[in-house]
PDB file of all heavy atoms in Angstrom:
ATOM      1  N   PHE A   1      -7.609 -15.071   0.980  1.00  0.00           N
ATOM      2  CA  PHE A   1      -6.816 -15.228  -0.231  1.00  0.00           C
ATOM      3  C   PHE A   1      -6.645 -13.862  -0.894  1.00  0.00           C
ATOM      4  O   PHE A   1      -7.594 -13.067  -0.979  1.00  0.00           O
ATOM      5  CB  PHE A   1      -7.498 -16.192  -1.204  1.00  0.00           C
ATOM      6  CG  PHE A   1      -7.434 -17.634  -0.775  1.00  0.00           C
ATOM      7  CD1 PHE A   1      -8.523 -18.244  -0.160  1.00  0.00           C
ATOM      8  CD2 PHE A   1      -6.273 -18.380  -0.960  1.00  0.00           C
ATOM      9  CE1 PHE A   1      -8.469 -19.564   0.250  1.00  0.00           C
ATOM     10  CE2 PHE A   1      -6.205 -19.704  -0.558  1.00  0.00           C
ATOM     11  CZ  PHE A   1      -7.303 -20.300   0.052  1.00  0.00           C
ATOM     12  N   ILE A   2      -5.447 -13.596  -1.381  1.00  0.00           N
ATOM     13  CA  ILE A   2      -5.161 -12.294  -1.977  1.00  0.00           C
ATOM     14  C   ILE A   2      -6.080 -12.011  -3.161  1.00  0.00           C
ATOM     15  O   ILE A   2      -6.535 -10.884  -3.358  1.00  0.00           O
ATOM     16  CB  ILE A   2      -3.680 -12.218  -2.392  1.00  0.00           C
ATOM     17  CG1 ILE A   2      -2.795 -12.225  -1.141  1.00  0.00           C
ATOM     18  CG2 ILE A   2      -3.403 -10.965  -3.233  1.00  0.00           C
ATOM     19  CD1 ILE A   2      -1.313 -12.272  -1.420  1.00  0.00           C
ATOM     20  N   GLY A   3      -6.372 -13.046  -3.936  1.00  0.00           N
ATOM     21  CA  GLY A   3      -7.224 -12.868  -5.101  1.00  0.00           C
ATOM     22  C   GLY A   3      -8.647 -12.463  -4.770  1.00  0.00           C
ATOM     23  O   GLY A   3      -9.392 -12.034  -5.662  1.00  0.00           O
ATOM     24  N   GLU A   4      -9.042 -12.582  -3.500  1.00  0.00           N
ATOM     25  CA  GLU A   4     -10.398 -12.245  -3.088  1.00  0.00           C
ATOM     26  C   GLU A   4     -10.469 -10.925  -2.309  1.00  0.00           C
ATOM     27  O   GLU A   4     -11.543 -10.530  -1.856  1.00  0.00           O
ATOM     28  CB  GLU A   4     -10.976 -13.372  -2.225  1.00  0.00           C
ATOM     29  CG  GLU A   4     -11.070 -14.706  -2.981  1.00  0.00           C
ATOM     30  CD  GLU A   4     -11.526 -15.853  -2.102  1.00  0.00           C
ATOM     31  OE1 GLU A   4     -11.628 -15.649  -0.865  1.00  0.00           O
ATOM     32  OE2 GLU A   4     -11.775 -16.941  -2.635  1.00  0.00           O
ATOM     33  N   LEU A   5      -9.330 -10.245  -2.167  1.00  0.00           N
ATOM     34  CA  LEU A   5      -9.312  -9.000  -1.397  1.00  0.00           C
ATOM     35  C   LEU A   5      -9.968  -7.857  -2.176  1.00  0.00           C
ATOM     36  O   LEU A   5      -9.886  -7.800  -3.402  1.00  0.00           O
ATOM     37  CB  LEU A   5      -7.871  -8.600  -1.070  1.00  0.00           C
ATOM     38  CG  LEU A   5      -7.091  -9.478  -0.098  1.00  0.00           C
ATOM     39  CD1 LEU A   5      -5.660  -8.961   0.021  1.00  0.00           C
ATOM     40  CD2 LEU A   5      -7.757  -9.523   1.260  1.00  0.00           C
ATOM     41  N   PRO A   6     -10.618  -6.921  -1.473  1.00  0.00           N
ATOM     42  CA  PRO A   6     -11.117  -5.710  -2.137  1.00  0.00           C
ATOM     43  C   PRO A   6      -9.961  -4.956  -2.781  1.00  0.00           C
ATOM     44  O   PRO A   6      -8.855  -4.880  -2.208  1.00  0.00           O
ATOM     45  CB  PRO A   6     -11.729  -4.910  -0.986  1.00  0.00           C
ATOM     46  CG  PRO A   6     -12.002  -5.905   0.094  1.00  0.00           C
ATOM     47  CD  PRO A   6     -10.939  -6.946  -0.022  1.00  0.00           C
ATOM     48  N   ALA A   7     -10.187  -4.388  -3.957  1.00  0.00           N
ATOM     49  CA  ALA A   7      -9.126  -3.716  -4.707  1.00  0.00           C
ATOM     50  C   ALA A   7      -8.468  -2.596  -3.904  1.00  0.00           C
ATOM     51  O   ALA A   7      -7.250  -2.376  -4.009  1.00  0.00           O
ATOM     52  CB  ALA A   7      -9.692  -3.161  -6.013  1.00  0.00           C
ATOM     53  N   GLU A   8      -9.247  -1.907  -3.065  1.00  0.00           N
ATOM     54  CA  GLU A   8      -8.692  -0.775  -2.329  1.00  0.00           C
ATOM     55  C   GLU A   8      -7.701  -1.188  -1.244  1.00  0.00           C
ATOM     56  O   GLU A   8      -6.970  -0.355  -0.708  1.00  0.00           O
ATOM     57  CB  GLU A   8      -9.808   0.071  -1.713  1.00  0.00           C
ATOM     58  CG  GLU A   8     -10.678  -0.651  -0.718  1.00  0.00           C
ATOM     59  CD  GLU A   8     -11.924  -1.270  -1.337  1.00  0.00           C
ATOM     60  OE1 GLU A   8     -11.934  -1.505  -2.562  1.00  0.00           O
ATOM     61  OE2 GLU A   8     -12.883  -1.510  -0.585  1.00  0.00           O
ATOM     62  N   THR A   9      -7.664  -2.479  -0.896  1.00  0.00           N
ATOM     63  CA  THR A   9      -6.717  -2.942   0.127  1.00  0.00           C
ATOM     64  C   THR A   9      -5.352  -3.289  -0.460  1.00  0.00           C
ATOM     65  O   THR A   9      -4.367  -3.390   0.282  1.00  0.00           O
ATOM     66  CB  THR A   9      -7.245  -4.190   0.861  1.00  0.00           C
ATOM     67  OG1 THR A   9      -7.318  -5.293  -0.070  1.00  0.00           O
ATOM     68  CG2 THR A   9      -8.615  -3.935   1.461  1.00  0.00           C
ATOM     69  N   LEU A  10      -5.250  -3.443  -1.785  1.00  0.00           N
ATOM     70  CA  LEU A  10      -4.016  -3.953  -2.392  1.00  0.00           C
ATOM     71  C   LEU A  10      -2.811  -3.025  -2.214  1.00  0.00           C
ATOM     72  O   LEU A  10      -1.702  -3.506  -1.940  1.00  0.00           O
ATOM     73  CB  LEU A  10      -4.251  -4.266  -3.870  1.00  0.00           C
ATOM     74  CG  LEU A  10      -5.285  -5.371  -4.137  1.00  0.00           C
ATOM     75  CD1 LEU A  10      -5.417  -5.624  -5.633  1.00  0.00           C
ATOM     76  CD2 LEU A  10      -4.924  -6.667  -3.409  1.00  0.00           C
ATOM     77  N   PRO A  11      -2.951  -1.691  -2.338  1.00  0.00           N
ATOM     78  CA  PRO A  11      -1.787  -0.841  -2.074  1.00  0.00           C
ATOM     79  C   PRO A  11      -1.262  -0.999  -0.644  1.00  0.00           C
ATOM     80  O   PRO A  11      -0.048  -0.955  -0.423  1.00  0.00           O
ATOM     81  CB  PRO A  11      -2.324   0.577  -2.308  1.00  0.00           C
ATOM     82  CG  PRO A  11      -3.503   0.401  -3.194  1.00  0.00           C
ATOM     83  CD  PRO A  11      -4.111  -0.901  -2.792  1.00  0.00           C
ATOM     84  N   PHE A  12      -2.147  -1.214   0.296  1.00  0.00           N
ATOM     85  CA  PHE A  12      -1.728  -1.368   1.686  1.00  0.00           C
ATOM     86  C   PHE A  12      -1.067  -2.728   1.910  1.00  0.00           C
ATOM     87  O   PHE A  12      -0.088  -2.834   2.657  1.00  0.00           O
ATOM     88  CB  PHE A  12      -2.928  -1.162   2.606  1.00  0.00           C
ATOM     89  CG  PHE A  12      -3.525   0.207   2.488  1.00  0.00           C
ATOM     90  CD1 PHE A  12      -4.619   0.443   1.665  1.00  0.00           C
ATOM     91  CD2 PHE A  12      -2.967   1.279   3.166  1.00  0.00           C
ATOM     92  CE1 PHE A  12      -5.146   1.707   1.516  1.00  0.00           C
ATOM     93  CE2 PHE A  12      -3.493   2.565   3.030  1.00  0.00           C
ATOM     94  CZ  PHE A  12      -4.582   2.776   2.206  1.00  0.00           C
ATOM     95  N   LEU A  13      -1.587  -3.753   1.252  1.00  0.00           N
ATOM     96  CA  LEU A  13      -0.954  -5.068   1.318  1.00  0.00           C
ATOM     97  C   LEU A  13       0.473  -4.990   0.781  1.00  0.00           C
ATOM     98  O   LEU A  13       1.404  -5.553   1.361  1.00  0.00           O
ATOM     99  CB  LEU A  13      -1.768  -6.077   0.504  1.00  0.00           C
ATOM    100  CG  LEU A  13      -1.197  -7.497   0.403  1.00  0.00           C
ATOM    101  CD1 LEU A  13      -1.231  -8.192   1.760  1.00  0.00           C
ATOM    102  CD2 LEU A  13      -1.968  -8.316  -0.629  1.00  0.00           C
ATOM    103  N   TYR A  14       0.646  -4.266  -0.326  1.00  0.00           N
ATOM    104  CA  TYR A  14       1.960  -4.143  -0.945  1.00  0.00           C
ATOM    105  C   TYR A  14       2.903  -3.316  -0.073  1.00  0.00           C
ATOM    106  O   TYR A  14       4.098  -3.618   0.042  1.00  0.00           O
ATOM    107  CB  TYR A  14       1.806  -3.510  -2.324  1.00  0.00           C
ATOM    108  CG  TYR A  14       2.972  -3.720  -3.241  1.00  0.00           C
ATOM    109  CD1 TYR A  14       3.545  -4.977  -3.420  1.00  0.00           C
ATOM    110  CD2 TYR A  14       3.506  -2.664  -3.967  1.00  0.00           C
ATOM    111  CE1 TYR A  14       4.619  -5.167  -4.272  1.00  0.00           C
ATOM    112  CE2 TYR A  14       4.573  -2.847  -4.830  1.00  0.00           C
ATOM    113  CZ  TYR A  14       5.119  -4.107  -4.977  1.00  0.00           C
ATOM    114  OH  TYR A  14       6.182  -4.292  -5.827  1.00  0.00           O
ATOM    115  N   LEU A  15       2.371  -2.282   0.554  1.00  0.00           N
ATOM    116  CA  LEU A  15       3.182  -1.508   1.501  1.00  0.00           C
ATOM    117  C   LEU A  15       3.657  -2.415   2.632  1.00  0.00           C
ATOM    118  O   LEU A  15       4.810  -2.333   3.061  1.00  0.00           O
ATOM    119  CB  LEU A  15       2.361  -0.342   2.059  1.00  0.00           C
ATOM    120  CG  LEU A  15       2.996   0.426   3.221  1.00  0.00           C
ATOM    121  CD1 LEU A  15       4.316   1.076   2.808  1.00  0.00           C
ATOM    122  CD2 LEU A  15       2.021   1.476   3.756  1.00  0.00           C
ATOM    123  N   GLY A  16       2.767  -3.277   3.111  1.00  0.00           N
ATOM    124  CA  GLY A  16       3.148  -4.195   4.181  1.00  0.00           C
ATOM    125  C   GLY A  16       4.341  -5.047   3.806  1.00  0.00           C
ATOM    126  O   GLY A  16       5.246  -5.276   4.626  1.00  0.00           O
ATOM    127  N   LYS A  17       4.367  -5.532   2.568  1.00  0.00           N
ATOM    128  CA  LYS A  17       5.508  -6.335   2.114  1.00  0.00           C
ATOM    129  C   LYS A  17       6.795  -5.522   2.167  1.00  0.00           C
ATOM    130  O   LYS A  17       7.858  -6.033   2.545  1.00  0.00           O
ATOM    131  CB  LYS A  17       5.270  -6.829   0.692  1.00  0.00           C
ATOM    132  CG  LYS A  17       6.420  -7.667   0.126  1.00  0.00           C
ATOM    133  CD  LYS A  17       6.212  -8.004  -1.324  1.00  0.00           C
ATOM    134  CE  LYS A  17       6.541  -6.865  -2.245  1.00  0.00           C
ATOM    135  NZ  LYS A  17       8.010  -6.601  -2.354  1.00  0.00           N
ATOM    136  N   ALA A  18       6.692  -4.239   1.795  1.00  0.00           N
ATOM    137  CA  ALA A  18       7.879  -3.392   1.741  1.00  0.00           C
ATOM    138  C   ALA A  18       8.464  -3.087   3.112  1.00  0.00           C
ATOM    139  O   ALA A  18       9.659  -2.778   3.217  1.00  0.00           O
ATOM    140  CB  ALA A  18       7.554  -2.086   1.015  1.00  0.00           C
ATOM    141  N   ILE A  19       7.656  -3.168   4.161  1.00  0.00           N
ATOM    142  CA  ILE A  19       8.151  -2.801   5.497  1.00  0.00           C
ATOM    143  C   ILE A  19       8.328  -4.007   6.415  1.00  0.00           C
ATOM    144  O   ILE A  19       8.629  -3.836   7.599  1.00  0.00           O
ATOM    145  CB  ILE A  19       7.208  -1.778   6.165  1.00  0.00           C
ATOM    146  CG1 ILE A  19       5.807  -2.359   6.379  1.00  0.00           C
ATOM    147  CG2 ILE A  19       7.155  -0.491   5.347  1.00  0.00           C
ATOM    148  CD1 ILE A  19       4.884  -1.471   7.199  1.00  0.00           C
ATOM    149  N   LEU A  20       8.159  -5.199   5.885  1.00  0.00           N
ATOM    150  CA  LEU A  20       8.233  -6.395   6.731  1.00  0.00           C
ATOM    151  C   LEU A  20       9.537  -6.478   7.516  1.00  0.00           C
ATOM    152  O   LEU A  20       9.547  -6.850   8.691  1.00  0.00           O
ATOM    153  CB  LEU A  20       8.074  -7.659   5.879  1.00  0.00           C
ATOM    154  CG  LEU A  20       6.666  -8.065   5.467  1.00  0.00           C
ATOM    155  CD1 LEU A  20       6.726  -9.209   4.469  1.00  0.00           C
ATOM    156  CD2 LEU A  20       5.829  -8.467   6.680  1.00  0.00           C
ATOM    157  N   GLN A  21      10.655  -6.159   6.847  1.00  0.00           N
ATOM    158  CA  GLN A  21      11.964  -6.319   7.491  1.00  0.00           C
ATOM    159  C   GLN A  21      12.385  -5.085   8.268  1.00  0.00           C
ATOM    160  O   GLN A  21      13.529  -4.966   8.672  1.00  0.00           O
ATOM    161  CB  GLN A  21      13.024  -6.695   6.440  1.00  0.00           C
ATOM    162  CG  GLN A  21      13.602  -5.535   5.637  1.00  0.00           C
ATOM    163  CD  GLN A  21      12.725  -5.081   4.497  1.00  0.00           C
ATOM    164  OE1 GLN A  21      11.523  -5.273   4.494  1.00  0.00           O
ATOM    165  NE2 GLN A  21      13.346  -4.463   3.505  1.00  0.00           N
ATOM    166  N   GLU A  22      11.434  -4.150   8.476  1.00  0.00           N
ATOM    167  CA  GLU A  22      11.696  -2.908   9.217  1.00  0.00           C
ATOM    168  C   GLU A  22      12.875  -2.135   8.624  1.00  0.00           C
ATOM    169  O   GLU A  22      13.873  -1.885   9.298  1.00  0.00           O
ATOM    170  CB  GLU A  22      11.929  -3.199  10.692  1.00  0.00           C
ATOM    171  CG  GLU A  22      10.738  -3.855  11.379  1.00  0.00           C
ATOM    172  CD  GLU A  22      10.936  -4.051  12.865  1.00  0.00           C
ATOM    173  OE1 GLU A  22      10.670  -3.097  13.613  1.00  0.00           O
ATOM    174  OE2 GLU A  22      11.363  -5.140  13.265  1.00  0.00           O
ATOM    175  N   PRO A  23      12.763  -1.727   7.345  1.00  0.00           N
ATOM    176  CA  PRO A  23      13.874  -1.047   6.682  1.00  0.00           C
ATOM    177  C   PRO A  23      14.109   0.351   7.228  1.00  0.00           C
ATOM    178  O   PRO A  23      13.199   0.997   7.744  1.00  0.00           O
ATOM    179  CB  PRO A  23      13.411  -0.980   5.224  1.00  0.00           C
ATOM    180  CG  PRO A  23      11.913  -0.920   5.322  1.00  0.00           C
ATOM    181  CD  PRO A  23      11.569  -1.822   6.478  1.00  0.00           C
ATOM    182  N   GLU A  24      15.348   0.809   7.083  1.00  0.00           N
ATOM    183  CA  GLU A  24      15.676   2.185   7.466  1.00  0.00           C
ATOM    184  C   GLU A  24      15.090   3.181   6.473  1.00  0.00           C
ATOM    185  O   GLU A  24      14.702   4.282   6.842  1.00  0.00           O
ATOM    186  CB  GLU A  24      17.194   2.367   7.517  1.00  0.00           C
ATOM    187  CG  GLU A  24      17.902   1.552   8.585  1.00  0.00           C
ATOM    188  CD  GLU A  24      19.399   1.768   8.549  1.00  0.00           C
ATOM    189  OE1 GLU A  24      19.829   2.879   8.154  1.00  0.00           O
ATOM    190  OE2 GLU A  24      20.141   0.839   8.899  1.00  0.00           O
ATOM    191  N   TRP A  25      15.047   2.767   5.189  1.00  0.00           N
ATOM    192  CA  TRP A  25      14.558   3.637   4.117  1.00  0.00           C
ATOM    193  C   TRP A  25      13.419   2.958   3.384  1.00  0.00           C
ATOM    194  O   TRP A  25      13.515   1.787   3.019  1.00  0.00           O
ATOM    195  CB  TRP A  25      15.682   3.943   3.116  1.00  0.00           C
ATOM    196  CG  TRP A  25      16.682   4.910   3.647  1.00  0.00           C
ATOM    197  CD1 TRP A  25      17.773   4.627   4.428  1.00  0.00           C
ATOM    198  CD2 TRP A  25      16.686   6.327   3.463  1.00  0.00           C
ATOM    199  NE1 TRP A  25      18.449   5.773   4.734  1.00  0.00           N
ATOM    200  CE2 TRP A  25      17.814   6.833   4.154  1.00  0.00           C
ATOM    201  CE3 TRP A  25      15.853   7.210   2.785  1.00  0.00           C
ATOM    202  CZ2 TRP A  25      18.121   8.201   4.179  1.00  0.00           C
ATOM    203  CZ3 TRP A  25      16.158   8.565   2.797  1.00  0.00           C
ATOM    204  CH2 TRP A  25      17.279   9.051   3.492  1.00  0.00           C
ATOM    205  N   LEU A  26      12.352   3.710   3.148  1.00  0.00           N
ATOM    206  CA  LEU A  26      11.208   3.230   2.373  1.00  0.00           C
ATOM    207  C   LEU A  26      11.158   4.025   1.080  1.00  0.00           C
ATOM    208  O   LEU A  26      11.077   5.256   1.091  1.00  0.00           O
ATOM    209  CB  LEU A  26       9.922   3.418   3.174  1.00  0.00           C
ATOM    210  CG  LEU A  26       8.613   2.989   2.499  1.00  0.00           C
ATOM    211  CD1 LEU A  26       8.647   1.512   2.120  1.00  0.00           C
ATOM    212  CD2 LEU A  26       7.430   3.268   3.423  1.00  0.00           C
ATOM    213  N   LEU A  27      11.219   3.310  -0.045  1.00  0.00           N
ATOM    214  CA  LEU A  27      11.243   3.919  -1.377  1.00  0.00           C
ATOM    215  C   LEU A  27       9.929   3.594  -2.071  1.00  0.00           C
ATOM    216  O   LEU A  27       9.590   2.420  -2.252  1.00  0.00           O
ATOM    217  CB  LEU A  27      12.416   3.370  -2.181  1.00  0.00           C
ATOM    218  CG  LEU A  27      13.768   3.337  -1.453  1.00  0.00           C
ATOM    219  CD1 LEU A  27      14.797   2.566  -2.263  1.00  0.00           C
ATOM    220  CD2 LEU A  27      14.264   4.756  -1.164  1.00  0.00           C
ATOM    221  N   MET A  28       9.189   4.612  -2.495  1.00  0.00           N
ATOM    222  CA  MET A  28       7.828   4.402  -2.996  1.00  0.00           C
ATOM    223  C   MET A  28       7.638   5.088  -4.345  1.00  0.00           C
ATOM    224  O   MET A  28       7.820   6.299  -4.467  1.00  0.00           O
ATOM    225  CB  MET A  28       6.812   4.934  -1.986  1.00  0.00           C
ATOM    226  CG  MET A  28       7.036   4.439  -0.567  1.00  0.00           C
ATOM    227  SD  MET A  28       5.841   5.129   0.613  1.00  0.00           S
ATOM    228  CE  MET A  28       4.384   4.160   0.213  1.00  0.00           C
ATOM    229  N   ASP A  29       7.273   4.296  -5.349  1.00  0.00           N
ATOM    230  CA  ASP A  29       7.096   4.818  -6.704  1.00  0.00           C
ATOM    231  C   ASP A  29       5.606   4.993  -7.005  1.00  0.00           C
ATOM    232  O   ASP A  29       4.889   4.015  -7.218  1.00  0.00           O
ATOM    233  CB  ASP A  29       7.740   3.846  -7.703  1.00  0.00           C
ATOM    234  CG  ASP A  29       7.959   4.481  -9.062  1.00  0.00           C
ATOM    235  OD1 ASP A  29       7.593   5.660  -9.239  1.00  0.00           O
ATOM    236  OD2 ASP A  29       8.502   3.799  -9.952  1.00  0.00           O
ATOM    237  N   GLU A  30       5.150   6.228  -6.985  1.00  0.00           N
ATOM    238  CA  GLU A  30       3.754   6.598  -7.231  1.00  0.00           C
ATOM    239  C   GLU A  30       2.777   5.815  -6.339  1.00  0.00           C
ATOM    240  O   GLU A  30       1.837   5.183  -6.833  1.00  0.00           O
ATOM    241  CB  GLU A  30       3.411   6.410  -8.711  1.00  0.00           C
ATOM    242  CG  GLU A  30       4.263   7.284  -9.628  1.00  0.00           C
ATOM    243  CD  GLU A  30       3.840   7.227 -11.080  1.00  0.00           C
ATOM    244  OE1 GLU A  30       2.747   6.710 -11.371  1.00  0.00           O
ATOM    245  OE2 GLU A  30       4.610   7.702 -11.934  1.00  0.00           O
ATOM    246  N   PRO A  31       2.968   5.861  -5.031  1.00  0.00           N
ATOM    247  CA  PRO A  31       2.124   5.064  -4.130  1.00  0.00           C
ATOM    248  C   PRO A  31       0.677   5.518  -4.046  1.00  0.00           C
ATOM    249  O   PRO A  31      -0.191   4.745  -3.657  1.00  0.00           O
ATOM    250  CB  PRO A  31       2.817   5.233  -2.770  1.00  0.00           C
ATOM    251  CG  PRO A  31       3.508   6.565  -2.874  1.00  0.00           C
ATOM    252  CD  PRO A  31       3.973   6.643  -4.295  1.00  0.00           C
ATOM    253  N   PHE A  32       0.403   6.780  -4.420  1.00  0.00           N
ATOM    254  CA  PHE A  32      -0.955   7.303  -4.300  1.00  0.00           C
ATOM    255  C   PHE A  32      -1.729   7.256  -5.619  1.00  0.00           C
ATOM    256  O   PHE A  32      -2.839   7.774  -5.703  1.00  0.00           O
ATOM    257  CB  PHE A  32      -0.919   8.750  -3.790  1.00  0.00           C
ATOM    258  CG  PHE A  32      -0.195   8.908  -2.482  1.00  0.00           C
ATOM    259  CD1 PHE A  32       1.046   9.524  -2.430  1.00  0.00           C
ATOM    260  CD2 PHE A  32      -0.741   8.429  -1.307  1.00  0.00           C
ATOM    261  CE1 PHE A  32       1.726   9.659  -1.227  1.00  0.00           C
ATOM    262  CE2 PHE A  32      -0.069   8.558  -0.100  1.00  0.00           C
ATOM    263  CZ  PHE A  32       1.165   9.180  -0.058  1.00  0.00           C
ATOM    264  N   ASP A  33      -1.150   6.625  -6.623  1.00  0.00           N
ATOM    265  CA  ASP A  33      -1.770   6.576  -7.941  1.00  0.00           C
ATOM    266  C   ASP A  33      -3.140   5.898  -7.878  1.00  0.00           C
ATOM    267  O   ASP A  33      -3.279   4.804  -7.335  1.00  0.00           O
ATOM    268  CB  ASP A  33      -0.858   5.813  -8.903  1.00  0.00           C
ATOM    269  CG  ASP A  33      -1.242   6.033 -10.347  1.00  0.00           C
ATOM    270  OD1 ASP A  33      -1.797   7.095 -10.646  1.00  0.00           O
ATOM    271  OD2 ASP A  33      -0.989   5.140 -11.167  1.00  0.00           O
ATOM    272  N   ASN A  34      -4.160   6.569  -8.422  1.00  0.00           N
ATOM    273  CA  ASN A  34      -5.533   6.047  -8.496  1.00  0.00           C
ATOM    274  C   ASN A  34      -6.193   5.820  -7.133  1.00  0.00           C
ATOM    275  O   ASN A  34      -7.179   5.093  -7.037  1.00  0.00           O
ATOM    276  CB  ASN A  34      -5.573   4.734  -9.291  1.00  0.00           C
ATOM    277  CG  ASN A  34      -5.121   4.924 -10.729  1.00  0.00           C
ATOM    278  OD1 ASN A  34      -5.471   5.925 -11.356  1.00  0.00           O
ATOM    279  ND2 ASN A  34      -4.343   3.986 -11.233  1.00  0.00           N
ATOM    280  N   MET A  35      -5.660   6.419  -6.086  1.00  0.00           N
ATOM    281  CA  MET A  35      -6.263   6.293  -4.756  1.00  0.00           C
ATOM    282  C   MET A  35      -7.329   7.365  -4.544  1.00  0.00           C
ATOM    283  O   MET A  35      -7.201   8.481  -5.039  1.00  0.00           O
ATOM    284  CB  MET A  35      -5.207   6.452  -3.655  1.00  0.00           C
ATOM    285  CG  MET A  35      -4.496   5.198  -3.261  1.00  0.00           C
ATOM    286  SD  MET A  35      -3.499   5.520  -1.777  1.00  0.00           S
ATOM    287  CE  MET A  35      -2.899   3.874  -1.456  1.00  0.00           C
ATOM    288  N   SER A  36      -8.334   7.040  -3.766  1.00  0.00           N
ATOM    289  CA  SER A  36      -9.305   8.035  -3.333  1.00  0.00           C
ATOM    290  C   SER A  36      -8.673   8.945  -2.282  1.00  0.00           C
ATOM    291  O   SER A  36      -7.614   8.621  -1.712  1.00  0.00           O
ATOM    292  CB  SER A  36     -10.533   7.346  -2.736  1.00  0.00           C
ATOM    293  OG  SER A  36     -10.181   6.687  -1.521  1.00  0.00           O
ATOM    294  N   VAL A  37      -9.300  10.067  -2.022  1.00  0.00           N
ATOM    295  CA  VAL A  37      -8.800  10.975  -0.991  1.00  0.00           C
ATOM    296  C   VAL A  37      -8.729  10.258   0.354  1.00  0.00           C
ATOM    297  O   VAL A  37      -7.750  10.396   1.105  1.00  0.00           O
ATOM    298  CB  VAL A  37      -9.699  12.223  -0.890  1.00  0.00           C
ATOM    299  CG1 VAL A  37      -9.300  13.079   0.306  1.00  0.00           C
ATOM    300  CG2 VAL A  37      -9.621  13.040  -2.168  1.00  0.00           C
ATOM    301  N   THR A  38      -9.752   9.465   0.657  1.00  0.00           N
ATOM    302  CA  THR A  38      -9.781   8.733   1.934  1.00  0.00           C
ATOM    303  C   THR A  38      -8.615   7.764   2.028  1.00  0.00           C
ATOM    304  O   THR A  38      -7.951   7.673   3.077  1.00  0.00           O
ATOM    305  CB  THR A  38     -11.108   7.974   2.085  1.00  0.00           C
ATOM    306  OG1 THR A  38     -12.194   8.910   2.051  1.00  0.00           O
ATOM    307  CG2 THR A  38     -11.151   7.208   3.394  1.00  0.00           C
ATOM    308  N   ALA A  39      -8.337   7.043   0.944  1.00  0.00           N
ATOM    309  CA  ALA A  39      -7.235   6.075   0.950  1.00  0.00           C
ATOM    310  C   ALA A  39      -5.892   6.785   1.069  1.00  0.00           C
ATOM    311  O   ALA A  39      -4.990   6.309   1.773  1.00  0.00           O
ATOM    312  CB  ALA A  39      -7.282   5.219  -0.303  1.00  0.00           C
ATOM    313  N   ARG A  40      -5.745   7.927   0.395  1.00  0.00           N
ATOM    314  CA  ARG A  40      -4.493   8.673   0.507  1.00  0.00           C
ATOM    315  C   ARG A  40      -4.265   9.125   1.943  1.00  0.00           C
ATOM    316  O   ARG A  40      -3.152   9.053   2.461  1.00  0.00           O
ATOM    317  CB  ARG A  40      -4.497   9.886  -0.436  1.00  0.00           C
ATOM    318  CG  ARG A  40      -4.267   9.550  -1.888  1.00  0.00           C
ATOM    319  CD  ARG A  40      -3.802  10.761  -2.688  1.00  0.00           C
ATOM    320  NE  ARG A  40      -4.762  11.841  -2.712  1.00  0.00           N
ATOM    321  CZ  ARG A  40      -5.662  12.026  -3.662  1.00  0.00           C
ATOM    322  NH1 ARG A  40      -5.772  11.152  -4.648  1.00  0.00           N
ATOM    323  NH2 ARG A  40      -6.488  13.059  -3.626  1.00  0.00           N
ATOM    324  N   ARG A  41      -5.324   9.604   2.574  1.00  0.00           N
ATOM    325  CA  ARG A  41      -5.176  10.053   3.960  1.00  0.00           C
ATOM    326  C   ARG A  41      -4.795   8.896   4.878  1.00  0.00           C
ATOM    327  O   ARG A  41      -3.973   9.050   5.791  1.00  0.00           O
ATOM    328  CB  ARG A  41      -6.474  10.703   4.424  1.00  0.00           C
ATOM    329  CG  ARG A  41      -6.714  12.074   3.800  1.00  0.00           C
ATOM    330  CD  ARG A  41      -8.068  12.631   4.151  1.00  0.00           C
ATOM    331  NE  ARG A  41      -8.263  13.978   3.611  1.00  0.00           N
ATOM    332  CZ  ARG A  41      -9.413  14.598   3.559  1.00  0.00           C
ATOM    333  NH1 ARG A  41     -10.519  14.001   4.011  1.00  0.00           N
ATOM    334  NH2 ARG A  41      -9.506  15.808   3.046  1.00  0.00           N
ATOM    335  N   LYS A  42      -5.372   7.725   4.623  1.00  0.00           N
ATOM    336  CA  LYS A  42      -5.009   6.558   5.424  1.00  0.00           C
ATOM    337  C   LYS A  42      -3.547   6.195   5.200  1.00  0.00           C
ATOM    338  O   LYS A  42      -2.805   5.930   6.155  1.00  0.00           O
ATOM    339  CB  LYS A  42      -5.901   5.373   5.061  1.00  0.00           C
ATOM    340  CG  LYS A  42      -5.534   4.088   5.811  1.00  0.00           C
ATOM    341  CD  LYS A  42      -6.415   2.912   5.410  1.00  0.00           C
ATOM    342  CE  LYS A  42      -5.951   1.643   6.112  1.00  0.00           C
ATOM    343  NZ  LYS A  42      -6.772   0.461   5.741  1.00  0.00           N
ATOM    344  N   MET A  43      -3.103   6.202   3.930  1.00  0.00           N
ATOM    345  CA  MET A  43      -1.716   5.876   3.615  1.00  0.00           C
ATOM    346  C   MET A  43      -0.764   6.864   4.270  1.00  0.00           C
ATOM    347  O   MET A  43       0.256   6.484   4.852  1.00  0.00           O
ATOM    348  CB  MET A  43      -1.516   5.862   2.098  1.00  0.00           C
ATOM    349  CG  MET A  43      -0.094   5.560   1.645  1.00  0.00           C
ATOM    350  SD  MET A  43       0.399   3.838   1.919  1.00  0.00           S
ATOM    351  CE  MET A  43      -0.402   3.044   0.509  1.00  0.00           C
TER     352      MET A  43
END
C-alpha cells in the first residue's frame, strides 16, 4: 500500500507514474528537493 511505503521511495514512485506511457519528453519540477546524496545519485 502506498501509505505504508518508506518516505524515500515516494519520489521514485512518482517518477514511475510520469514515465508509464513512455513519453518523449520528461518534465521535472524540483525532483531532487530534500533528497539525500545517495537518493540523488540513484535518481
